[in-house]
């Protein structure tokens, strides 16, 4: 993540400032969809509370695909 941040240019930062709706919408949807997916997986597989909490930690981490 640090390395990716080092490649940002001023024009990239300008895009974020000029398009805040898209940033807020994308971030909000990611959190909502990931939480819903984690809940559905825990429900479908009837996980115990401990496993569901662990799954929540793994599945619902924002940006998990970049790890």
C-alpha atoms as a PDB file:
ATOM      1  CA  UNK A   1       0.000   0.000   0.000  1.00  0.00           C
ATOM      2  CA  UNK A   2       2.872   2.354   0.756  1.00  0.00           C
ATOM      3  CA  UNK A   3       4.408   1.694  -2.626  1.00  0.00           C
ATOM      4  CA  UNK A   4       1.110   2.321  -4.395  1.00  0.00           C
ATOM      5  CA  UNK A   5       0.715   5.574  -2.481  1.00  0.00           C
ATOM      6  CA  UNK A   6       4.153   6.665  -3.600  1.00  0.00           C
ATOM      7  CA  UNK A   7       3.023   6.473  -7.241  1.00  0.00           C
ATOM      8  CA  UNK A   8       0.213   9.024  -6.775  1.00  0.00           C
ATOM      9  CA  UNK A   9       0.571  12.246  -8.694  1.00  0.00           C
ATOM     10  CA  UNK A  10      -0.976  15.656  -8.092  1.00  0.00           C
ATOM     11  CA  UNK A  11      -3.479  14.992 -10.873  1.00  0.00           C
ATOM     12  CA  UNK A  12      -4.641  11.847  -9.015  1.00  0.00           C
ATOM     13  CA  UNK A  13      -5.216  13.868  -5.838  1.00  0.00           C
ATOM     14  CA  UNK A  14      -7.002  16.545  -7.875  1.00  0.00           C
ATOM     15  CA  UNK A  15      -9.384  13.879  -9.266  1.00  0.00           C
ATOM     16  CA  UNK A  16     -10.288  12.771  -5.737  1.00  0.00           C
ATOM     17  CA  UNK A  17     -10.978  16.331  -4.659  1.00  0.00           C
ATOM     18  CA  UNK A  18     -13.078  17.081  -7.747  1.00  0.00           C
ATOM     19  CA  UNK A  19     -15.148  13.854  -7.534  1.00  0.00           C
ATOM     20  CA  UNK A  20     -15.997  13.322  -3.855  1.00  0.00           C
ATOM     21  CA  UNK A  21     -19.385  11.712  -4.600  1.00  0.00           C
ATOM     22  CA  UNK A  22     -17.799   8.769  -6.394  1.00  0.00           C
ATOM     23  CA  UNK A  23     -15.262   8.258  -3.619  1.00  0.00           C
ATOM     24  CA  UNK A  24     -17.882   8.336  -0.855  1.00  0.00           C
ATOM     25  CA  UNK A  25     -20.258   6.094  -2.822  1.00  0.00           C
ATOM     26  CA  UNK A  26     -17.569   3.525  -3.630  1.00  0.00           C
ATOM     27  CA  UNK A  27     -16.281   3.405  -0.066  1.00  0.00           C
ATOM     28  CA  UNK A  28     -19.772   3.154   1.416  1.00  0.00           C
ATOM     29  CA  UNK A  29     -20.825   0.395  -0.957  1.00  0.00           C
ATOM     30  CA  UNK A  30     -17.653  -1.571  -0.280  1.00  0.00           C
ATOM     31  CA  UNK A  31     -18.266  -1.497   3.464  1.00  0.00           C
ATOM     32  CA  UNK A  32     -21.961  -2.361   3.041  1.00  0.00           C
ATOM     33  CA  UNK A  33     -21.430  -5.175   0.543  1.00  0.00           C
ATOM     34  CA  UNK A  34     -18.533  -6.704   2.481  1.00  0.00           C
ATOM     35  CA  UNK A  35     -20.489  -6.654   5.746  1.00  0.00           C
ATOM     36  CA  UNK A  36     -23.520  -8.175   4.041  1.00  0.00           C
ATOM     37  CA  UNK A  37     -21.393 -10.854   2.380  1.00  0.00           C
ATOM     38  CA  UNK A  38     -19.746 -11.764   5.692  1.00  0.00           C
ATOM     39  CA  UNK A  39     -23.110 -11.991   7.415  1.00  0.00           C
ATOM     40  CA  UNK A  40     -24.572 -14.114   4.616  1.00  0.00           C
ATOM     41  CA  UNK A  41     -21.610 -16.506   4.608  1.00  0.00           C
ATOM     42  CA  UNK A  42     -21.756 -16.907   8.381  1.00  0.00           C
ATOM     43  CA  UNK A  43     -25.502 -17.527   8.176  1.00  0.00           C
ATOM     44  CA  UNK A  44     -25.403 -19.911   5.217  1.00  0.00           C
ATOM     45  CA  UNK A  45     -22.630 -22.037   6.725  1.00  0.00           C
ATOM     46  CA  UNK A  46     -24.143 -21.773  10.230  1.00  0.00           C
ATOM     47  CA  UNK A  47     -20.850 -20.758  11.765  1.00  0.00           C
ATOM     48  CA  UNK A  48     -20.383 -20.592  15.502  1.00  0.00           C
ATOM     49  CA  UNK A  49     -20.064 -17.152  17.059  1.00  0.00           C
ATOM     50  CA  UNK A  50     -16.284 -17.509  17.280  1.00  0.00           C
ATOM     51  CA  UNK A  51     -15.884 -18.483  13.620  1.00  0.00           C
ATOM     52  CA  UNK A  52     -18.304 -15.780  12.513  1.00  0.00           C
ATOM     53  CA  UNK A  53     -16.262 -13.176  14.412  1.00  0.00           C
ATOM     54  CA  UNK A  54     -13.069 -14.477  12.795  1.00  0.00           C
ATOM     55  CA  UNK A  55     -14.742 -14.474   9.406  1.00  0.00           C
ATOM     56  CA  UNK A  56     -15.893 -10.933   9.994  1.00  0.00           C
ATOM     57  CA  UNK A  57     -12.305  -9.921  10.656  1.00  0.00           C
ATOM     58  CA  UNK A  58     -11.059 -11.543   7.458  1.00  0.00           C
ATOM     59  CA  UNK A  59     -13.986 -10.994   5.064  1.00  0.00           C
ATOM     60  CA  UNK A  60     -14.985  -7.499   6.050  1.00  0.00           C
ATOM     61  CA  UNK A  61     -11.595  -5.835   6.084  1.00  0.00           C
ATOM     62  CA  UNK A  62     -11.712  -2.975   3.619  1.00  0.00           C
ATOM     63  CA  UNK A  63      -9.202  -3.482   0.856  1.00  0.00           C
ATOM     64  CA  UNK A  64      -8.617  -7.148   1.646  1.00  0.00           C
ATOM     65  CA  UNK A  65      -7.947  -7.862  -2.012  1.00  0.00           C
ATOM     66  CA  UNK A  66      -4.762  -5.815  -1.935  1.00  0.00           C
ATOM     67  CA  UNK A  67      -3.117  -7.922   0.752  1.00  0.00           C
END
